[in-house]
N, C-alpha and C. Protein backbone atom coordinates (compact mmCIF):
# COMPACT_ATOMS: atom_id res chain seq x y z
N MET A 1 22.20 40.54 -55.32
CA MET A 1 21.95 39.23 -55.87
C MET A 1 22.97 38.94 -56.97
N HIS A 2 23.63 37.82 -56.88
CA HIS A 2 24.66 37.42 -57.84
C HIS A 2 24.02 36.81 -59.07
N ARG A 3 24.50 37.18 -60.22
CA ARG A 3 24.06 36.54 -61.46
C ARG A 3 25.24 35.77 -62.02
N GLN A 4 24.93 34.70 -62.72
CA GLN A 4 25.97 33.82 -63.23
C GLN A 4 26.85 34.51 -64.25
N SER A 5 28.05 34.01 -64.37
CA SER A 5 28.95 34.44 -65.43
C SER A 5 28.48 33.79 -66.73
N THR A 6 28.52 34.52 -67.83
CA THR A 6 28.08 33.94 -69.10
C THR A 6 29.04 32.87 -69.58
N SER A 7 30.26 32.84 -69.06
CA SER A 7 31.22 31.83 -69.48
C SER A 7 31.01 30.49 -68.79
N LEU A 8 30.16 30.45 -67.79
CA LEU A 8 29.99 29.22 -67.04
C LEU A 8 28.52 28.97 -66.72
N PRO A 9 27.70 28.71 -67.75
CA PRO A 9 26.27 28.49 -67.46
C PRO A 9 26.06 27.18 -66.73
N LEU A 10 25.31 27.22 -65.67
CA LEU A 10 24.99 26.01 -64.92
C LEU A 10 23.59 25.54 -65.26
N LYS A 11 23.45 24.23 -65.39
CA LYS A 11 22.14 23.61 -65.58
C LYS A 11 21.77 22.96 -64.26
N ILE A 12 20.61 23.31 -63.75
CA ILE A 12 20.18 22.84 -62.44
C ILE A 12 18.82 22.15 -62.58
N LEU A 13 18.74 20.93 -62.06
CA LEU A 13 17.50 20.16 -62.08
C LEU A 13 16.92 20.12 -60.67
N VAL A 14 15.65 20.49 -60.55
CA VAL A 14 14.91 20.41 -59.30
C VAL A 14 14.01 19.19 -59.37
N ILE A 15 14.16 18.27 -58.40
CA ILE A 15 13.29 17.10 -58.33
C ILE A 15 12.55 17.15 -57.00
N ASP A 16 11.24 17.39 -57.08
CA ASP A 16 10.41 17.48 -55.88
C ASP A 16 8.97 17.15 -56.26
N ASP A 17 8.30 16.33 -55.47
CA ASP A 17 6.93 15.96 -55.78
C ASP A 17 5.93 17.05 -55.39
N ASN A 18 6.38 18.06 -54.66
CA ASN A 18 5.54 19.22 -54.36
C ASN A 18 5.67 20.18 -55.54
N ARG A 19 4.70 20.14 -56.43
CA ARG A 19 4.77 20.90 -57.67
C ARG A 19 4.92 22.40 -57.45
N ASP A 20 4.21 22.94 -56.48
CA ASP A 20 4.30 24.37 -56.21
C ASP A 20 5.71 24.76 -55.75
N PHE A 21 6.26 23.95 -54.85
CA PHE A 21 7.61 24.23 -54.37
C PHE A 21 8.62 24.11 -55.50
N ALA A 22 8.52 23.04 -56.30
CA ALA A 22 9.46 22.82 -57.40
C ALA A 22 9.40 23.99 -58.39
N TYR A 23 8.20 24.43 -58.72
CA TYR A 23 8.04 25.55 -59.65
C TYR A 23 8.65 26.83 -59.07
N ALA A 24 8.37 27.10 -57.79
CA ALA A 24 8.90 28.31 -57.16
C ALA A 24 10.43 28.29 -57.11
N LEU A 25 11.00 27.13 -56.76
CA LEU A 25 12.46 27.03 -56.70
C LEU A 25 13.07 27.17 -58.09
N SER A 26 12.47 26.55 -59.08
CA SER A 26 12.95 26.67 -60.46
C SER A 26 12.89 28.13 -60.92
N SER A 27 11.81 28.81 -60.60
CA SER A 27 11.68 30.22 -60.97
C SER A 27 12.76 31.07 -60.31
N LEU A 28 13.06 30.78 -59.04
CA LEU A 28 14.11 31.51 -58.33
C LEU A 28 15.47 31.26 -59.00
N ILE A 29 15.74 30.02 -59.36
CA ILE A 29 17.00 29.68 -60.04
C ILE A 29 17.10 30.44 -61.36
N ASN A 30 16.01 30.48 -62.11
CA ASN A 30 16.01 31.23 -63.37
C ASN A 30 16.23 32.72 -63.12
N HIS A 31 15.61 33.23 -62.07
CA HIS A 31 15.77 34.65 -61.72
C HIS A 31 17.21 34.97 -61.37
N LEU A 32 17.91 34.01 -60.77
CA LEU A 32 19.32 34.20 -60.44
C LEU A 32 20.22 34.12 -61.68
N GLY A 33 19.63 33.74 -62.82
CA GLY A 33 20.37 33.73 -64.07
C GLY A 33 20.88 32.38 -64.52
N PHE A 34 20.35 31.31 -63.95
CA PHE A 34 20.79 29.96 -64.30
C PHE A 34 19.70 29.23 -65.07
N ILE A 35 20.05 28.10 -65.65
CA ILE A 35 19.11 27.29 -66.43
C ILE A 35 18.54 26.23 -65.50
N SER A 36 17.23 26.15 -65.41
CA SER A 36 16.64 25.14 -64.54
C SER A 36 15.60 24.31 -65.28
N SER A 37 15.41 23.11 -64.76
CA SER A 37 14.33 22.25 -65.23
C SER A 37 13.76 21.55 -64.01
N ILE A 38 12.58 20.95 -64.19
CA ILE A 38 11.85 20.37 -63.07
C ILE A 38 11.45 18.94 -63.39
N ALA A 39 11.52 18.09 -62.36
CA ALA A 39 10.94 16.75 -62.41
C ALA A 39 10.18 16.56 -61.10
N TYR A 40 9.09 15.78 -61.18
CA TYR A 40 8.24 15.62 -60.00
C TYR A 40 8.32 14.23 -59.37
N ASP A 41 9.14 13.35 -59.95
CA ASP A 41 9.27 12.00 -59.41
C ASP A 41 10.60 11.39 -59.84
N LYS A 42 10.89 10.21 -59.29
CA LYS A 42 12.16 9.55 -59.58
C LYS A 42 12.33 9.24 -61.06
N LYS A 43 11.31 8.70 -61.67
CA LYS A 43 11.41 8.27 -63.07
C LYS A 43 11.70 9.45 -64.00
N SER A 44 10.93 10.53 -63.89
CA SER A 44 11.17 11.68 -64.76
C SER A 44 12.47 12.39 -64.38
N GLY A 45 12.84 12.35 -63.10
CA GLY A 45 14.11 12.93 -62.67
C GLY A 45 15.29 12.21 -63.30
N MET A 46 15.26 10.88 -63.28
CA MET A 46 16.36 10.12 -63.88
C MET A 46 16.42 10.34 -65.39
N ARG A 47 15.25 10.43 -66.04
CA ARG A 47 15.23 10.67 -67.48
C ARG A 47 15.87 12.03 -67.79
N LYS A 48 15.53 13.06 -67.02
CA LYS A 48 16.10 14.39 -67.28
C LYS A 48 17.59 14.43 -66.96
N ILE A 49 18.02 13.68 -65.96
CA ILE A 49 19.45 13.62 -65.66
C ILE A 49 20.20 13.00 -66.83
N MET A 50 19.67 11.91 -67.35
CA MET A 50 20.33 11.23 -68.47
C MET A 50 20.34 12.10 -69.73
N GLU A 51 19.23 12.79 -69.99
CA GLU A 51 19.11 13.61 -71.20
C GLU A 51 19.90 14.91 -71.15
N HIS A 52 19.88 15.58 -70.00
CA HIS A 52 20.42 16.94 -69.90
C HIS A 52 21.75 17.05 -69.17
N GLN A 53 22.16 16.00 -68.46
CA GLN A 53 23.41 16.04 -67.70
C GLN A 53 23.56 17.37 -66.94
N PRO A 54 22.68 17.62 -65.97
CA PRO A 54 22.77 18.89 -65.23
C PRO A 54 24.05 18.96 -64.41
N ASP A 55 24.44 20.17 -64.05
CA ASP A 55 25.61 20.37 -63.18
C ASP A 55 25.25 20.12 -61.73
N LEU A 56 23.99 20.41 -61.39
CA LEU A 56 23.52 20.29 -60.02
C LEU A 56 22.11 19.72 -60.02
N VAL A 57 21.87 18.76 -59.15
CA VAL A 57 20.52 18.21 -58.95
C VAL A 57 20.11 18.53 -57.52
N LEU A 58 19.00 19.24 -57.38
CA LEU A 58 18.40 19.53 -56.08
C LEU A 58 17.26 18.54 -55.90
N CYS A 59 17.42 17.59 -54.99
CA CYS A 59 16.46 16.50 -54.87
C CYS A 59 15.86 16.44 -53.47
N ASP A 60 14.53 16.41 -53.42
CA ASP A 60 13.80 16.28 -52.16
C ASP A 60 14.03 14.89 -51.59
N ILE A 61 14.53 14.81 -50.35
CA ILE A 61 14.77 13.49 -49.77
C ILE A 61 13.47 12.81 -49.38
N GLY A 62 12.37 13.52 -49.47
CA GLY A 62 11.08 12.95 -49.14
C GLY A 62 10.31 12.44 -50.35
N LEU A 63 10.98 12.23 -51.48
CA LEU A 63 10.29 11.67 -52.65
C LEU A 63 9.67 10.34 -52.27
N PRO A 64 8.52 10.00 -52.84
CA PRO A 64 7.87 8.73 -52.52
C PRO A 64 8.81 7.53 -52.69
N GLY A 65 8.61 6.55 -51.84
CA GLY A 65 9.47 5.37 -51.86
C GLY A 65 10.86 5.77 -51.42
N ARG A 66 11.82 5.27 -52.09
CA ARG A 66 13.22 5.64 -51.83
C ARG A 66 13.77 6.41 -53.02
N GLY A 67 12.91 7.21 -53.66
CA GLY A 67 13.26 7.90 -54.90
C GLY A 67 14.55 8.68 -54.85
N CYS A 68 14.70 9.53 -53.86
CA CYS A 68 15.90 10.37 -53.78
C CYS A 68 17.15 9.53 -53.56
N TYR A 69 17.02 8.50 -52.73
CA TYR A 69 18.18 7.65 -52.44
C TYR A 69 18.59 6.86 -53.68
N GLU A 70 17.61 6.41 -54.45
CA GLU A 70 17.92 5.68 -55.67
C GLU A 70 18.55 6.60 -56.72
N ILE A 71 18.10 7.83 -56.78
CA ILE A 71 18.70 8.80 -57.70
C ILE A 71 20.15 9.05 -57.31
N ALA A 72 20.39 9.27 -56.03
CA ALA A 72 21.76 9.51 -55.56
C ALA A 72 22.65 8.31 -55.85
N ASP A 73 22.15 7.11 -55.58
CA ASP A 73 22.92 5.89 -55.82
C ASP A 73 23.26 5.74 -57.30
N LYS A 74 22.31 6.01 -58.17
CA LYS A 74 22.53 5.90 -59.61
C LYS A 74 23.59 6.90 -60.09
N ILE A 75 23.46 8.14 -59.64
CA ILE A 75 24.42 9.17 -60.05
C ILE A 75 25.82 8.83 -59.55
N ARG A 76 25.94 8.38 -58.32
CA ARG A 76 27.26 8.08 -57.76
C ARG A 76 27.87 6.80 -58.32
N SER A 77 27.04 5.90 -58.86
CA SER A 77 27.56 4.64 -59.40
C SER A 77 27.91 4.70 -60.88
N GLU A 78 27.44 5.72 -61.57
CA GLU A 78 27.69 5.86 -63.02
C GLU A 78 28.88 6.79 -63.25
N HIS A 79 29.92 6.26 -63.86
CA HIS A 79 31.12 7.05 -64.12
C HIS A 79 30.81 8.29 -64.95
N SER A 80 29.89 8.17 -65.91
CA SER A 80 29.56 9.30 -66.79
C SER A 80 28.86 10.43 -66.05
N MET A 81 28.43 10.18 -64.81
CA MET A 81 27.72 11.21 -64.04
C MET A 81 28.54 11.73 -62.86
N ASN A 82 29.81 11.40 -62.81
CA ASN A 82 30.65 11.81 -61.68
C ASN A 82 30.73 13.31 -61.48
N ASN A 83 30.51 14.07 -62.56
CA ASN A 83 30.62 15.52 -62.46
C ASN A 83 29.33 16.18 -61.97
N ILE A 84 28.26 15.43 -61.79
CA ILE A 84 27.00 15.99 -61.31
C ILE A 84 27.05 16.13 -59.79
N MET A 85 26.72 17.31 -59.31
CA MET A 85 26.67 17.55 -57.87
C MET A 85 25.24 17.39 -57.39
N LEU A 86 25.12 16.90 -56.17
CA LEU A 86 23.81 16.61 -55.59
C LEU A 86 23.58 17.45 -54.33
N ALA A 87 22.37 17.98 -54.24
CA ALA A 87 21.96 18.70 -53.03
C ALA A 87 20.66 18.10 -52.54
N ALA A 88 20.62 17.74 -51.27
CA ALA A 88 19.42 17.19 -50.65
C ALA A 88 18.55 18.35 -50.15
N LEU A 89 17.27 18.28 -50.48
CA LEU A 89 16.30 19.26 -50.01
C LEU A 89 15.44 18.59 -48.94
N THR A 90 15.27 19.25 -47.81
CA THR A 90 14.46 18.65 -46.75
C THR A 90 13.92 19.69 -45.78
N TYR A 91 12.80 19.33 -45.17
CA TYR A 91 12.27 20.12 -44.06
C TYR A 91 12.89 19.69 -42.75
N TYR A 92 13.50 18.50 -42.73
CA TYR A 92 14.04 17.92 -41.51
C TYR A 92 15.48 18.36 -41.31
N VAL A 93 15.72 19.07 -40.23
CA VAL A 93 17.06 19.57 -39.97
C VAL A 93 17.53 18.98 -38.64
N HIS A 94 18.15 17.81 -38.72
CA HIS A 94 18.77 17.24 -37.53
C HIS A 94 19.93 16.36 -37.95
N ASP A 95 20.78 16.03 -36.99
CA ASP A 95 22.04 15.35 -37.28
C ASP A 95 21.85 14.02 -38.00
N ARG A 96 20.82 13.25 -37.66
CA ARG A 96 20.61 11.95 -38.30
C ARG A 96 20.39 12.10 -39.80
N VAL A 97 19.58 13.08 -40.19
CA VAL A 97 19.32 13.32 -41.61
C VAL A 97 20.60 13.82 -42.29
N LYS A 98 21.34 14.69 -41.63
CA LYS A 98 22.59 15.20 -42.20
C LYS A 98 23.59 14.05 -42.44
N ARG A 99 23.70 13.12 -41.48
CA ARG A 99 24.59 11.97 -41.66
C ARG A 99 24.13 11.08 -42.79
N LEU A 100 22.81 10.86 -42.89
CA LEU A 100 22.26 10.03 -43.95
C LEU A 100 22.56 10.64 -45.32
N VAL A 101 22.32 11.92 -45.43
CA VAL A 101 22.57 12.64 -46.69
C VAL A 101 24.05 12.54 -47.07
N ASP A 102 24.92 12.70 -46.09
CA ASP A 102 26.36 12.58 -46.34
C ASP A 102 26.73 11.15 -46.76
N ASP A 103 26.16 10.16 -46.08
CA ASP A 103 26.44 8.76 -46.42
C ASP A 103 25.98 8.40 -47.83
N LEU A 104 24.94 9.06 -48.31
CA LEU A 104 24.41 8.78 -49.64
C LEU A 104 25.20 9.47 -50.74
N GLY A 105 26.15 10.30 -50.38
CA GLY A 105 27.00 10.92 -51.39
C GLY A 105 26.53 12.28 -51.87
N PHE A 106 25.66 12.92 -51.12
CA PHE A 106 25.24 14.26 -51.50
C PHE A 106 26.37 15.25 -51.20
N ASP A 107 26.49 16.25 -52.06
CA ASP A 107 27.51 17.28 -51.88
C ASP A 107 27.03 18.39 -50.95
N PHE A 108 25.72 18.61 -50.95
CA PHE A 108 25.14 19.71 -50.17
C PHE A 108 23.86 19.25 -49.49
N TYR A 109 23.49 19.99 -48.49
CA TYR A 109 22.27 19.77 -47.73
C TYR A 109 21.64 21.14 -47.57
N ILE A 110 20.39 21.28 -47.97
CA ILE A 110 19.73 22.59 -47.86
C ILE A 110 18.33 22.39 -47.31
N SER A 111 17.99 23.18 -46.31
CA SER A 111 16.69 23.01 -45.66
C SER A 111 15.64 23.92 -46.27
N LYS A 112 14.42 23.41 -46.25
CA LYS A 112 13.26 24.17 -46.71
C LYS A 112 12.71 24.93 -45.52
N PRO A 113 12.15 26.09 -45.68
CA PRO A 113 12.09 26.84 -46.93
C PRO A 113 13.48 27.35 -47.32
N ILE A 114 13.70 27.44 -48.60
CA ILE A 114 15.01 27.81 -49.14
C ILE A 114 15.24 29.31 -48.96
N GLN A 115 16.41 29.65 -48.42
CA GLN A 115 16.81 31.05 -48.32
C GLN A 115 17.63 31.38 -49.57
N THR A 116 17.27 32.45 -50.23
CA THR A 116 17.94 32.82 -51.48
C THR A 116 19.44 32.93 -51.30
N SER A 117 19.88 33.52 -50.22
CA SER A 117 21.33 33.70 -50.02
C SER A 117 22.04 32.36 -49.89
N ILE A 118 21.44 31.40 -49.22
CA ILE A 118 22.04 30.07 -49.07
C ILE A 118 22.06 29.35 -50.41
N LEU A 119 20.97 29.44 -51.16
CA LEU A 119 20.92 28.83 -52.49
C LEU A 119 21.99 29.44 -53.39
N ASN A 120 22.10 30.74 -53.37
CA ASN A 120 23.08 31.43 -54.20
C ASN A 120 24.50 31.04 -53.81
N ASP A 121 24.79 30.95 -52.52
CA ASP A 121 26.12 30.53 -52.07
C ASP A 121 26.44 29.11 -52.55
N MET A 122 25.46 28.23 -52.49
CA MET A 122 25.66 26.85 -52.93
C MET A 122 25.93 26.81 -54.43
N ILE A 123 25.17 27.57 -55.21
CA ILE A 123 25.37 27.60 -56.65
C ILE A 123 26.75 28.16 -56.99
N GLN A 124 27.18 29.19 -56.26
CA GLN A 124 28.52 29.73 -56.49
C GLN A 124 29.59 28.67 -56.21
N GLU A 125 29.39 27.88 -55.16
CA GLU A 125 30.32 26.79 -54.85
C GLU A 125 30.35 25.77 -55.99
N VAL A 126 29.20 25.46 -56.56
CA VAL A 126 29.14 24.53 -57.69
C VAL A 126 29.90 25.12 -58.87
N GLN A 127 29.73 26.41 -59.12
CA GLN A 127 30.46 27.06 -60.21
C GLN A 127 31.97 26.94 -60.02
N VAL A 128 32.44 27.19 -58.81
CA VAL A 128 33.87 27.10 -58.53
C VAL A 128 34.36 25.67 -58.75
N ARG A 129 33.62 24.70 -58.23
CA ARG A 129 34.01 23.30 -58.41
C ARG A 129 34.02 22.90 -59.88
N LYS A 130 33.03 23.38 -60.62
CA LYS A 130 32.97 23.06 -62.05
C LYS A 130 34.15 23.68 -62.77
N LEU A 131 34.43 24.93 -62.49
CA LEU A 131 35.55 25.62 -63.11
C LEU A 131 36.86 24.89 -62.79
N TYR A 132 37.02 24.51 -61.54
CA TYR A 132 38.23 23.80 -61.12
C TYR A 132 38.36 22.45 -61.83
N SER A 133 37.27 21.72 -61.95
CA SER A 133 37.32 20.40 -62.58
C SER A 133 37.57 20.49 -64.08
N GLU A 134 37.20 21.60 -64.71
CA GLU A 134 37.40 21.77 -66.14
C GLU A 134 38.71 22.45 -66.49
N ALA A 135 39.41 22.97 -65.50
CA ALA A 135 40.65 23.70 -65.75
C ALA A 135 41.74 22.75 -66.21
N SER A 136 42.43 23.14 -67.27
CA SER A 136 43.54 22.32 -67.74
C SER A 136 44.82 22.66 -66.99
N GLU A 137 44.84 23.80 -66.34
CA GLU A 137 45.97 24.23 -65.53
C GLU A 137 45.44 24.62 -64.16
N PRO A 138 46.27 24.65 -63.15
CA PRO A 138 45.81 25.04 -61.81
C PRO A 138 45.16 26.41 -61.84
N LEU A 139 44.14 26.60 -60.99
CA LEU A 139 43.45 27.88 -60.93
C LEU A 139 44.25 28.94 -60.19
N CYS A 140 45.12 28.52 -59.30
CA CYS A 140 45.92 29.50 -58.59
C CYS A 140 47.35 28.97 -58.48
N CYS A 141 48.22 29.85 -58.50
CA CYS A 141 49.63 29.47 -58.48
C CYS A 141 50.36 30.37 -57.50
N VAL A 142 51.51 29.87 -57.01
CA VAL A 142 52.38 30.68 -56.17
C VAL A 142 53.29 31.48 -57.10
N ALA A 143 53.36 32.76 -56.86
CA ALA A 143 54.19 33.63 -57.71
C ALA A 143 55.65 33.28 -57.53
N ALA A 144 56.38 33.31 -58.60
CA ALA A 144 57.82 33.08 -58.55
C ALA A 144 58.51 34.29 -57.95
N ASN A 145 59.71 34.08 -57.40
CA ASN A 145 60.47 35.19 -56.79
C ASN A 145 60.56 36.27 -57.77
């Protein structure tokens, strides 16, 4: 099991109206060594996004109403939130949902139940992207002769 580097702490927000699932996922994220918080609806999710500026938001696409879609739209339309990555959480695994998630601007798609290895791989990808976006110089270079 990979634990985060202390030089790159990630803040991860879980937004899911299934309280048991949200708590279990948050606990797993904490166990992996990252900082997590939970919201159970669109309103509290948006408040926590604005207050905490997480690096990654894991959002259930089945939130009541169009909650998840409105959250994604808000994050993608606000310049100050461009660095936040979005992952759609769903029980539905088919091409139509994958296309919808992609059209809404999500960076990742993860199916429930969550597999620890897949979650960990996704978080590592977020770490790499964050490191790359914060680098003042290229992360890799071609060696000179």
